[in-house]
Amino acid sequence: MESPIACTLGPAAVGPRIEQWREVLSKAVTHTERVAPDRLACELQADLADLRALAVLAQEEKACCRFFTFSFEVEVEVEVEVVTMVVGVPDDATAVLDQFATLTSTG
């Protein structure tokens, strides 16, 4: 069963949450790519503090917006570690993902 496209975060908390995302994403994201209409891949700097902050934000977001999916992928390419956060939404929430993409500095 698919989660409804709804957020349980109170109105007063939405602005601060968006600013948290914007702050961390602007520091951490080096490149974004829309890998599918319902998936956004954000290539990240491998800074542990930023990765930890993104993981915490992803958990918090998932708690209030259950329709989001977040995954972190780690690849090693010629001794360079590439970390990607993939953000997903159901097909009927691609407009929400469009808004999320604008929070990245490369969005």
PDB file of N, CA and C in Angstrom:
ATOM      1  N   MET A   1       0.842  -1.183   0.000  1.00  0.00           N
ATOM      2  CA  MET A   1       0.000   0.000   0.000  1.00  0.00           C
ATOM      3  C   MET A   1       0.886   1.245   0.000  1.00  0.00           C
ATOM      4  N   GLU A   2       0.598   2.164  -0.878  1.00  0.00           N
ATOM      5  CA  GLU A   2       1.385   3.370  -1.022  1.00  0.00           C
ATOM      6  C   GLU A   2       0.977   4.400   0.030  1.00  0.00           C
ATOM      7  N   SER A   3       1.972   5.158   0.533  1.00  0.00           N
ATOM      8  CA  SER A   3       1.698   6.208   1.508  1.00  0.00           C
ATOM      9  C   SER A   3       1.017   7.385   0.837  1.00  0.00           C
ATOM     10  N   PRO A   4       0.064   8.027   1.521  1.00  0.00           N
ATOM     11  CA  PRO A   4      -0.581   9.198   0.926  1.00  0.00           C
ATOM     12  C   PRO A   4       0.399  10.366   0.819  1.00  0.00           C
ATOM     13  N   ILE A   5       0.154  11.236  -0.151  1.00  0.00           N
ATOM     14  CA  ILE A   5       0.983  12.417  -0.341  1.00  0.00           C
ATOM     15  C   ILE A   5       0.515  13.454   0.672  1.00  0.00           C
ATOM     16  N   ALA A   6       1.090  13.394   1.860  1.00  0.00           N
ATOM     17  CA  ALA A   6       0.696  14.288   2.938  1.00  0.00           C
ATOM     18  C   ALA A   6       1.869  14.481   3.880  1.00  0.00           C
ATOM     19  N   CYS A   7       1.871  15.626   4.548  1.00  0.00           N
ATOM     20  CA  CYS A   7       2.907  15.941   5.520  1.00  0.00           C
ATOM     21  C   CYS A   7       2.237  16.198   6.863  1.00  0.00           C
ATOM     22  N   THR A   8       2.772  15.608   7.915  1.00  0.00           N
ATOM     23  CA  THR A   8       2.204  15.799   9.241  1.00  0.00           C
ATOM     24  C   THR A   8       2.930  16.893  10.028  1.00  0.00           C
ATOM     25  N   LEU A   9       3.914  17.528   9.402  1.00  0.00           N
ATOM     26  CA  LEU A   9       4.645  18.611  10.059  1.00  0.00           C
ATOM     27  C   LEU A   9       3.726  19.819  10.202  1.00  0.00           C
ATOM     28  N   GLY A  10       3.728  20.433  11.378  1.00  0.00           N
ATOM     29  CA  GLY A  10       2.888  21.609  11.599  1.00  0.00           C
ATOM     30  C   GLY A  10       3.347  22.788  10.756  1.00  0.00           C
ATOM     31  N   PRO A  11       2.432  23.694  10.413  1.00  0.00           N
ATOM     32  CA  PRO A  11       2.758  24.835   9.545  1.00  0.00           C
ATOM     33  C   PRO A  11       3.948  25.669  10.033  1.00  0.00           C
ATOM     34  N   ALA A  12       4.072  25.855  11.335  1.00  0.00           N
ATOM     35  CA  ALA A  12       5.176  26.667  11.872  1.00  0.00           C
ATOM     36  C   ALA A  12       6.530  25.987  11.709  1.00  0.00           C
ATOM     37  N   ALA A  13       6.539  24.683  11.529  1.00  0.00           N
ATOM     38  CA  ALA A  13       7.798  23.949  11.419  1.00  0.00           C
ATOM     39  C   ALA A  13       8.261  23.754   9.978  1.00  0.00           C
ATOM     40  N   VAL A  14       7.389  24.019   9.018  1.00  0.00           N
ATOM     41  CA  VAL A  14       7.733  23.771   7.609  1.00  0.00           C
ATOM     42  C   VAL A  14       8.878  24.672   7.154  1.00  0.00           C
ATOM     43  N   GLY A  15       8.783  25.973   7.391  1.00  0.00           N
ATOM     44  CA  GLY A  15       9.835  26.917   6.974  1.00  0.00           C
ATOM     45  C   GLY A  15      11.197  26.565   7.537  1.00  0.00           C
ATOM     46  N   PRO A  16      11.298  26.356   8.849  1.00  0.00           N
ATOM     47  CA  PRO A  16      12.598  25.977   9.411  1.00  0.00           C
ATOM     48  C   PRO A  16      13.140  24.657   8.842  1.00  0.00           C
ATOM     49  N   ARG A  17      12.265  23.701   8.569  1.00  0.00           N
ATOM     50  CA  ARG A  17      12.726  22.424   7.994  1.00  0.00           C
ATOM     51  C   ARG A  17      13.302  22.651   6.602  1.00  0.00           C
ATOM     52  N   ILE A  18      12.608  23.441   5.794  1.00  0.00           N
ATOM     53  CA  ILE A  18      13.093  23.741   4.449  1.00  0.00           C
ATOM     54  C   ILE A  18      14.455  24.415   4.522  1.00  0.00           C
ATOM     55  N   GLU A  19      14.614  25.339   5.452  1.00  0.00           N
ATOM     56  CA  GLU A  19      15.906  26.017   5.596  1.00  0.00           C
ATOM     57  C   GLU A  19      17.006  25.057   6.044  1.00  0.00           C
ATOM     58  N   GLN A  20      16.672  24.079   6.893  1.00  0.00           N
ATOM     59  CA  GLN A  20      17.656  23.057   7.274  1.00  0.00           C
ATOM     60  C   GLN A  20      18.132  22.300   6.042  1.00  0.00           C
ATOM     61  N   TRP A  21      17.177  21.849   5.221  1.00  0.00           N
ATOM     62  CA  TRP A  21      17.527  21.144   3.995  1.00  0.00           C
ATOM     63  C   TRP A  21      18.392  22.023   3.105  1.00  0.00           C
ATOM     64  N   ARG A  22      17.963  23.264   2.892  1.00  0.00           N
ATOM     65  CA  ARG A  22      18.684  24.172   2.004  1.00  0.00           C
ATOM     66  C   ARG A  22      20.127  24.368   2.480  1.00  0.00           C
ATOM     67  N   GLU A  23      20.308  24.565   3.776  1.00  0.00           N
ATOM     68  CA  GLU A  23      21.645  24.795   4.334  1.00  0.00           C
ATOM     69  C   GLU A  23      22.560  23.590   4.125  1.00  0.00           C
ATOM     70  N   VAL A  24      22.083  22.407   4.473  1.00  0.00           N
ATOM     71  CA  VAL A  24      22.936  21.211   4.355  1.00  0.00           C
ATOM     72  C   VAL A  24      23.159  20.844   2.893  1.00  0.00           C
ATOM     73  N   LEU A  25      22.111  20.892   2.086  1.00  0.00           N
ATOM     74  CA  LEU A  25      22.257  20.537   0.676  1.00  0.00           C
ATOM     75  C   LEU A  25      23.195  21.490  -0.053  1.00  0.00           C
ATOM     76  N   SER A  26      23.132  22.782   0.270  1.00  0.00           N
ATOM     77  CA  SER A  26      23.989  23.749  -0.428  1.00  0.00           C
ATOM     78  C   SER A  26      25.466  23.493  -0.147  1.00  0.00           C
ATOM     79  N   LYS A  27      25.792  22.944   1.013  1.00  0.00           N
ATOM     80  CA  LYS A  27      27.178  22.610   1.343  1.00  0.00           C
ATOM     81  C   LYS A  27      27.585  21.252   0.807  1.00  0.00           C
ATOM     82  N   ALA A  28      26.668  20.308   0.805  1.00  0.00           N
ATOM     83  CA  ALA A  28      27.029  18.914   0.556  1.00  0.00           C
ATOM     84  C   ALA A  28      26.910  18.475  -0.901  1.00  0.00           C
ATOM     85  N   VAL A  29      25.967  19.027  -1.645  1.00  0.00           N
ATOM     86  CA  VAL A  29      25.681  18.531  -2.993  1.00  0.00           C
ATOM     87  C   VAL A  29      26.643  19.135  -4.010  1.00  0.00           C
ATOM     88  N   THR A  30      27.259  18.262  -4.798  1.00  0.00           N
ATOM     89  CA  THR A  30      28.150  18.716  -5.866  1.00  0.00           C
ATOM     90  C   THR A  30      27.494  18.620  -7.240  1.00  0.00           C
ATOM     91  N   HIS A  31      26.500  17.767  -7.366  1.00  0.00           N
ATOM     92  CA  HIS A  31      25.840  17.560  -8.658  1.00  0.00           C
ATOM     93  C   HIS A  31      24.499  16.877  -8.412  1.00  0.00           C
ATOM     94  N   THR A  32      23.478  17.275  -9.173  1.00  0.00           N
ATOM     95  CA  THR A  32      22.194  16.574  -9.111  1.00  0.00           C
ATOM     96  C   THR A  32      21.823  16.101 -10.496  1.00  0.00           C
ATOM     97  N   GLU A  33      21.090  15.007 -10.525  1.00  0.00           N
ATOM     98  CA  GLU A  33      20.604  14.483 -11.793  1.00  0.00           C
ATOM     99  C   GLU A  33      19.243  13.843 -11.561  1.00  0.00           C
ATOM    100  N   ARG A  34      18.294  14.189 -12.393  1.00  0.00           N
ATOM    101  CA  ARG A  34      16.976  13.567 -12.332  1.00  0.00           C
ATOM    102  C   ARG A  34      17.100  12.246 -13.079  1.00  0.00           C
ATOM    103  N   VAL A  35      17.263  11.153 -12.354  1.00  0.00           N
ATOM    104  CA  VAL A  35      17.511   9.853 -12.971  1.00  0.00           C
ATOM    105  C   VAL A  35      16.225   9.181 -13.442  1.00  0.00           C
ATOM    106  N   ALA A  36      15.102   9.682 -13.006  1.00  0.00           N
ATOM    107  CA  ALA A  36      13.775   9.230 -13.426  1.00  0.00           C
ATOM    108  C   ALA A  36      12.806  10.334 -13.003  1.00  0.00           C
ATOM    109  N   PRO A  37      11.608  10.365 -13.560  1.00  0.00           N
ATOM    110  CA  PRO A  37      10.665  11.413 -13.156  1.00  0.00           C
ATOM    111  C   PRO A  37      10.420  11.453 -11.648  1.00  0.00           C
ATOM    112  N   ASP A  38      10.536  10.299 -11.003  1.00  0.00           N
ATOM    113  CA  ASP A  38      10.257  10.221  -9.567  1.00  0.00           C
ATOM    114  C   ASP A  38      11.500  10.001  -8.709  1.00  0.00           C
ATOM    115  N   ARG A  39      12.703  10.223  -9.275  1.00  0.00           N
ATOM    116  CA  ARG A  39      13.963  10.000  -8.550  1.00  0.00           C
ATOM    117  C   ARG A  39      14.957  11.115  -8.846  1.00  0.00           C
ATOM    118  N   LEU A  40      15.568  11.645  -7.784  1.00  0.00           N
ATOM    119  CA  LEU A  40      16.604  12.661  -7.890  1.00  0.00           C
ATOM    120  C   LEU A  40      17.860  12.126  -7.224  1.00  0.00           C
ATOM    121  N   ALA A  41      18.958  12.079  -7.971  1.00  0.00           N
ATOM    122  CA  ALA A  41      20.244  11.633  -7.423  1.00  0.00           C
ATOM    123  C   ALA A  41      21.083  12.861  -7.105  1.00  0.00           C
ATOM    124  N   CYS A  42      21.525  12.957  -5.867  1.00  0.00           N
ATOM    125  CA  CYS A  42      22.346  14.078  -5.417  1.00  0.00           C
ATOM    126  C   CYS A  42      23.731  13.549  -5.073  1.00  0.00           C
ATOM    127  N   GLU A  43      24.715  13.882  -5.896  1.00  0.00           N
ATOM    128  CA  GLU A  43      26.086  13.478  -5.598  1.00  0.00           C
ATOM    129  C   GLU A  43      26.600  14.391  -4.498  1.00  0.00           C
ATOM    130  N   LEU A  44      27.250  13.782  -3.509  1.00  0.00           N
ATOM    131  CA  LEU A  44      27.628  14.512  -2.305  1.00  0.00           C
ATOM    132  C   LEU A  44      29.133  14.540  -2.094  1.00  0.00           C
ATOM    133  N   GLN A  45      29.579  15.585  -1.405  1.00  0.00           N
ATOM    134  CA  GLN A  45      30.942  15.585  -0.904  1.00  0.00           C
ATOM    135  C   GLN A  45      30.986  14.564   0.224  1.00  0.00           C
ATOM    136  N   ALA A  46      32.086  13.893   0.370  1.00  0.00           N
ATOM    137  CA  ALA A  46      32.183  12.833   1.379  1.00  0.00           C
ATOM    138  C   ALA A  46      32.591  13.402   2.737  1.00  0.00           C
ATOM    139  N   ASP A  47      31.935  14.460   3.168  1.00  0.00           N
ATOM    140  CA  ASP A  47      32.183  15.059   4.475  1.00  0.00           C
ATOM    141  C   ASP A  47      31.272  14.371   5.494  1.00  0.00           C
ATOM    142  N   LEU A  48      31.869  13.743   6.489  1.00  0.00           N
ATOM    143  CA  LEU A  48      31.073  12.949   7.435  1.00  0.00           C
ATOM    144  C   LEU A  48      30.037  13.770   8.192  1.00  0.00           C
ATOM    145  N   ALA A  49      30.363  15.002   8.545  1.00  0.00           N
ATOM    146  CA  ALA A  49      29.398  15.831   9.271  1.00  0.00           C
ATOM    147  C   ALA A  49      28.180  16.121   8.397  1.00  0.00           C
ATOM    148  N   ASP A  50      28.411  16.451   7.122  1.00  0.00           N
ATOM    149  CA  ASP A  50      27.296  16.714   6.213  1.00  0.00           C
ATOM    150  C   ASP A  50      26.493  15.445   5.946  1.00  0.00           C
ATOM    151  N   LEU A  51      27.176  14.324   5.775  1.00  0.00           N
ATOM    152  CA  LEU A  51      26.470  13.059   5.540  1.00  0.00           C
ATOM    153  C   LEU A  51      25.602  12.696   6.739  1.00  0.00           C
ATOM    154  N   ARG A  52      26.131  12.899   7.925  1.00  0.00           N
ATOM    155  CA  ARG A  52      25.362  12.633   9.144  1.00  0.00           C
ATOM    156  C   ARG A  52      24.143  13.557   9.210  1.00  0.00           C
ATOM    157  N   ALA A  53      24.338  14.839   8.905  1.00  0.00           N
ATOM    158  CA  ALA A  53      23.227  15.791   8.935  1.00  0.00           C
ATOM    159  C   ALA A  53      22.160  15.413   7.911  1.00  0.00           C
ATOM    160  N   LEU A  54      22.576  14.984   6.724  1.00  0.00           N
ATOM    161  CA  LEU A  54      21.611  14.563   5.710  1.00  0.00           C
ATOM    162  C   LEU A  54      20.853  13.314   6.140  1.00  0.00           C
ATOM    163  N   ALA A  55      21.547  12.372   6.765  1.00  0.00           N
ATOM    164  CA  ALA A  55      20.879  11.155   7.234  1.00  0.00           C
ATOM    165  C   ALA A  55      19.830  11.494   8.300  1.00  0.00           C
ATOM    166  N   VAL A  56      20.163  12.399   9.208  1.00  0.00           N
ATOM    167  CA  VAL A  56      19.213  12.816  10.250  1.00  0.00           C
ATOM    168  C   VAL A  56      18.019  13.524   9.615  1.00  0.00           C
ATOM    169  N   LEU A  57      18.273  14.447   8.681  1.00  0.00           N
ATOM    170  CA  LEU A  57      17.174  15.138   8.007  1.00  0.00           C
ATOM    171  C   LEU A  57      16.295  14.166   7.232  1.00  0.00           C
ATOM    172  N   ALA A  58      16.909  13.199   6.578  1.00  0.00           N
ATOM    173  CA  ALA A  58      16.135  12.198   5.832  1.00  0.00           C
ATOM    174  C   ALA A  58      15.227  11.418   6.775  1.00  0.00           C
ATOM    175  N   GLN A  59      15.734  11.041   7.947  1.00  0.00           N
ATOM    176  CA  GLN A  59      14.908  10.329   8.931  1.00  0.00           C
ATOM    177  C   GLN A  59      13.755  11.204   9.398  1.00  0.00           C
ATOM    178  N   GLU A  60      14.044  12.469   9.691  1.00  0.00           N
ATOM    179  CA  GLU A  60      13.003  13.380  10.151  1.00  0.00           C
ATOM    180  C   GLU A  60      11.951  13.607   9.067  1.00  0.00           C
ATOM    181  N   GLU A  61      12.418  13.741   7.822  1.00  0.00           N
ATOM    182  CA  GLU A  61      11.481  13.963   6.711  1.00  0.00           C
ATOM    183  C   GLU A  61      10.595  12.746   6.501  1.00  0.00           C
ATOM    184  N   LYS A  62      11.190  11.581   6.574  1.00  0.00           N
ATOM    185  CA  LYS A  62      10.433  10.341   6.393  1.00  0.00           C
ATOM    186  C   LYS A  62       9.370  10.190   7.490  1.00  0.00           C
ATOM    187  N   ALA A  63       9.657  10.705   8.681  1.00  0.00           N
ATOM    188  CA  ALA A  63       8.698  10.619   9.791  1.00  0.00           C
ATOM    189  C   ALA A  63       7.442  11.460   9.539  1.00  0.00           C
ATOM    190  N   CYS A  64       7.593  12.588   8.838  1.00  0.00           N
ATOM    191  CA  CYS A  64       6.427  13.449   8.613  1.00  0.00           C
ATOM    192  C   CYS A  64       5.865  13.344   7.194  1.00  0.00           C
ATOM    193  N   CYS A  65       6.688  12.913   6.260  1.00  0.00           N
ATOM    194  CA  CYS A  65       6.271  12.777   4.860  1.00  0.00           C
ATOM    195  C   CYS A  65       6.617  11.361   4.406  1.00  0.00           C
ATOM    196  N   ARG A  66       5.783  10.423   4.776  1.00  0.00           N
ATOM    197  CA  ARG A  66       6.078   9.002   4.565  1.00  0.00           C
ATOM    198  C   ARG A  66       6.209   8.609   3.097  1.00  0.00           C
ATOM    199  N   PHE A  67       5.724   9.447   2.192  1.00  0.00           N
ATOM    200  CA  PHE A  67       5.789   9.114   0.772  1.00  0.00           C
ATOM    201  C   PHE A  67       7.201   9.256   0.201  1.00  0.00           C
ATOM    202  N   PHE A  68       8.070  10.016   0.869  1.00  0.00           N
ATOM    203  CA  PHE A  68       9.455  10.150   0.406  1.00  0.00           C
ATOM    204  C   PHE A  68      10.231   8.857   0.641  1.00  0.00           C
ATOM    205  N   THR A  69      11.197   8.580  -0.226  1.00  0.00           N
ATOM    206  CA  THR A  69      12.186   7.539   0.042  1.00  0.00           C
ATOM    207  C   THR A  69      13.559   8.182  -0.066  1.00  0.00           C
ATOM    208  N   PHE A  70      14.465   7.744   0.772  1.00  0.00           N
ATOM    209  CA  PHE A  70      15.837   8.228   0.763  1.00  0.00           C
ATOM    210  C   PHE A  70      16.762   7.025   0.823  1.00  0.00           C
ATOM    211  N   SER A  71      17.789   7.031  -0.009  1.00  0.00           N
ATOM    212  CA  SER A  71      18.809   5.994   0.090  1.00  0.00           C
ATOM    213  C   SER A  71      20.161   6.638  -0.156  1.00  0.00           C
ATOM    214  N   PHE A  72      21.178   6.053   0.437  1.00  0.00           N
ATOM    215  CA  PHE A  72      22.541   6.536   0.270  1.00  0.00           C
ATOM    216  C   PHE A  72      23.345   5.424  -0.387  1.00  0.00           C
ATOM    217  N   GLU A  73      24.043   5.770  -1.452  1.00  0.00           N
ATOM    218  CA  GLU A  73      24.842   4.797  -2.190  1.00  0.00           C
ATOM    219  C   GLU A  73      26.297   5.239  -2.145  1.00  0.00           C
ATOM    220  N   VAL A  74      27.191   4.284  -1.926  1.00  0.00           N
ATOM    221  CA  VAL A  74      28.617   4.571  -1.884  1.00  0.00           C
ATOM    222  C   VAL A  74      29.296   3.738  -2.950  1.00  0.00           C
ATOM    223  N   GLU A  75      30.059   4.401  -3.804  1.00  0.00           N
ATOM    224  CA  GLU A  75      30.818   3.721  -4.850  1.00  0.00           C
ATOM    225  C   GLU A  75      32.267   4.174  -4.757  1.00  0.00           C
ATOM    226  N   VAL A  76      33.162   3.295  -5.082  1.00  0.00           N
ATOM    227  CA  VAL A  76      34.568   3.653  -5.148  1.00  0.00           C
ATOM    228  C   VAL A  76      34.980   3.599  -6.609  1.00  0.00           C
ATOM    229  N   GLU A  77      35.405   4.755  -7.114  1.00  0.00           N
ATOM    230  CA  GLU A  77      35.828   4.855  -8.504  1.00  0.00           C
ATOM    231  C   GLU A  77      37.280   5.314  -8.524  1.00  0.00           C
ATOM    232  N   VAL A  78      38.180   4.428  -8.862  1.00  0.00           N
ATOM    233  CA  VAL A  78      39.618   4.709  -8.924  1.00  0.00           C
ATOM    234  C   VAL A  78      40.068   5.449  -7.664  1.00  0.00           C
ATOM    235  N   GLU A  79      39.875   4.814  -6.544  1.00  0.00           N
ATOM    236  CA  GLU A  79      40.296   5.302  -5.233  1.00  0.00           C
ATOM    237  C   GLU A  79      39.567   6.555  -4.764  1.00  0.00           C
ATOM    238  N   VAL A  80      38.516   6.954  -5.450  1.00  0.00           N
ATOM    239  CA  VAL A  80      37.714   8.101  -5.031  1.00  0.00           C
ATOM    240  C   VAL A  80      36.343   7.585  -4.632  1.00  0.00           C
ATOM    241  N   GLU A  81      35.938   7.955  -3.436  1.00  0.00           N
ATOM    242  CA  GLU A  81      34.633   7.533  -2.946  1.00  0.00           C
ATOM    243  C   GLU A  81      33.563   8.508  -3.423  1.00  0.00           C
ATOM    244  N   VAL A  82      32.524   7.990  -4.047  1.00  0.00           N
ATOM    245  CA  VAL A  82      31.405   8.814  -4.497  1.00  0.00           C
ATOM    246  C   VAL A  82      30.188   8.413  -3.676  1.00  0.00           C
ATOM    247  N   VAL A  83      29.609   9.383  -2.984  1.00  0.00           N
ATOM    248  CA  VAL A  83      28.427   9.140  -2.169  1.00  0.00           C
ATOM    249  C   VAL A  83      27.256   9.863  -2.830  1.00  0.00           C
ATOM    250  N   THR A  84      26.164   9.139  -3.019  1.00  0.00           N
ATOM    251  CA  THR A  84      24.983   9.703  -3.655  1.00  0.00           C
ATOM    252  C   THR A  84      23.777   9.472  -2.758  1.00  0.00           C
ATOM    253  N   MET A  85      22.999  10.521  -2.563  1.00  0.00           N
ATOM    254  CA  MET A  85      21.720  10.387  -1.882  1.00  0.00           C
ATOM    255  C   MET A  85      20.656  10.388  -2.972  1.00  0.00           C
ATOM    256  N   VAL A  86      19.846   9.340  -3.007  1.00  0.00           N
ATOM    257  CA  VAL A  86      18.768   9.246  -3.989  1.00  0.00           C
ATOM    258  C   VAL A  86      17.456   9.514  -3.251  1.00  0.00           C
ATOM    259  N   VAL A  87      16.730  10.504  -3.757  1.00  0.00           N
ATOM    260  CA  VAL A  87      15.453  10.903  -3.162  1.00  0.00           C
ATOM    261  C   VAL A  87      14.360  10.468  -4.127  1.00  0.00           C
ATOM    262  N   GLY A  88      13.372   9.774  -3.608  1.00  0.00           N
ATOM    263  CA  GLY A  88      12.286   9.301  -4.450  1.00  0.00           C
ATOM    264  C   GLY A  88      10.929   9.681  -3.909  1.00  0.00           C
ATOM    265  N   VAL A  89       9.970   9.720  -4.823  1.00  0.00           N
ATOM    266  CA  VAL A  89       8.578   9.991  -4.478  1.00  0.00           C
ATOM    267  C   VAL A  89       7.693   9.124  -5.361  1.00  0.00           C
ATOM    268  N   PRO A  90       6.446   8.923  -4.982  1.00  0.00           N
ATOM    269  CA  PRO A  90       5.506   8.221  -5.865  1.00  0.00           C
ATOM    270  C   PRO A  90       5.267   9.046  -7.134  1.00  0.00           C
ATOM    271  N   ASP A  91       4.775   8.389  -8.160  1.00  0.00           N
ATOM    272  CA  ASP A  91       4.533   9.050  -9.445  1.00  0.00           C
ATOM    273  C   ASP A  91       3.677  10.312  -9.331  1.00  0.00           C
ATOM    274  N   ASP A  92       2.720  10.313  -8.414  1.00  0.00           N
ATOM    275  CA  ASP A  92       1.825  11.468  -8.298  1.00  0.00           C
ATOM    276  C   ASP A  92       2.381  12.580  -7.406  1.00  0.00           C
ATOM    277  N   ALA A  93       3.656  12.478  -7.016  1.00  0.00           N
ATOM    278  CA  ALA A  93       4.272  13.513  -6.176  1.00  0.00           C
ATOM    279  C   ALA A  93       5.525  14.110  -6.818  1.00  0.00           C
ATOM    280  N   THR A  94       5.633  13.997  -8.134  1.00  0.00           N
ATOM    281  CA  THR A  94       6.833  14.523  -8.789  1.00  0.00           C
ATOM    282  C   THR A  94       6.962  16.041  -8.623  1.00  0.00           C
ATOM    283  N   ALA A  95       5.859  16.751  -8.459  1.00  0.00           N
ATOM    284  CA  ALA A  95       5.930  18.198  -8.229  1.00  0.00           C
ATOM    285  C   ALA A  95       6.620  18.497  -6.900  1.00  0.00           C
ATOM    286  N   VAL A  96       6.427  17.636  -5.912  1.00  0.00           N
ATOM    287  CA  VAL A  96       7.103  17.796  -4.624  1.00  0.00           C
ATOM    288  C   VAL A  96       8.600  17.589  -4.815  1.00  0.00           C
ATOM    289  N   LEU A  97       8.973  16.605  -5.621  1.00  0.00           N
ATOM    290  CA  LEU A  97      10.389  16.362  -5.897  1.00  0.00           C
ATOM    291  C   LEU A  97      10.994  17.531  -6.674  1.00  0.00           C
ATOM    292  N   ASP A  98      10.228  18.142  -7.563  1.00  0.00           N
ATOM    293  CA  ASP A  98      10.693  19.336  -8.272  1.00  0.00           C
ATOM    294  C   ASP A  98      11.039  20.431  -7.266  1.00  0.00           C
ATOM    295  N   GLN A  99      10.194  20.625  -6.283  1.00  0.00           N
ATOM    296  CA  GLN A  99      10.448  21.634  -5.259  1.00  0.00           C
ATOM    297  C   GLN A  99      11.671  21.279  -4.423  1.00  0.00           C
ATOM    298  N   PHE A 100      11.810  19.989  -4.088  1.00  0.00           N
ATOM    299  CA  PHE A 100      12.971  19.547  -3.322  1.00  0.00           C
ATOM    300  C   PHE A 100      14.258  19.839  -4.100  1.00  0.00           C
ATOM    301  N   ALA A 101      14.243  19.585  -5.407  1.00  0.00           N
ATOM    302  CA  ALA A 101      15.438  19.795  -6.239  1.00  0.00           C
ATOM    303  C   ALA A 101      15.892  21.245  -6.211  1.00  0.00           C
ATOM    304  N   THR A 102      14.973  22.186  -6.037  1.00  0.00           N
ATOM    305  CA  THR A 102      15.365  23.596  -5.996  1.00  0.00           C
ATOM    306  C   THR A 102      16.149  23.932  -4.738  1.00  0.00           C
ATOM    307  N   LEU A 103      16.126  23.070  -3.734  1.00  0.00           N
ATOM    308  CA  LEU A 103      16.860  23.331  -2.491  1.00  0.00           C
ATOM    309  C   LEU A 103      18.347  23.064  -2.631  1.00  0.00           C
ATOM    310  N   THR A 104      18.744  22.349  -3.666  1.00  0.00           N
ATOM    311  CA  THR A 104      20.169  22.075  -3.875  1.00  0.00           C
ATOM    312  C   THR A 104      20.795  23.245  -4.619  1.00  0.00           C
ATOM    313  N   SER A 105      22.063  23.470  -4.390  1.00  0.00           N
ATOM    314  CA  SER A 105      22.734  24.582  -5.067  1.00  0.00           C
ATOM    315  C   SER A 105      22.848  24.316  -6.560  1.00  0.00           C
ATOM    316  N   THR A 106      22.717  23.032  -6.983  1.00  0.00           N
ATOM    317  CA  THR A 106      22.823  22.694  -8.397  1.00  0.00           C
ATOM    318  C   THR A 106      21.468  22.406  -8.989  1.00  0.00           C
ATOM    319  N   GLY A 107      20.389  22.474  -8.151  1.00  0.00           N
ATOM    320  CA  GLY A 107      19.025  22.092  -8.491  1.00  0.00           C
ATOM    321  C   GLY A 107      18.532  22.602  -9.779  1.00  0.00           C
TER     322      GLY A 107
END
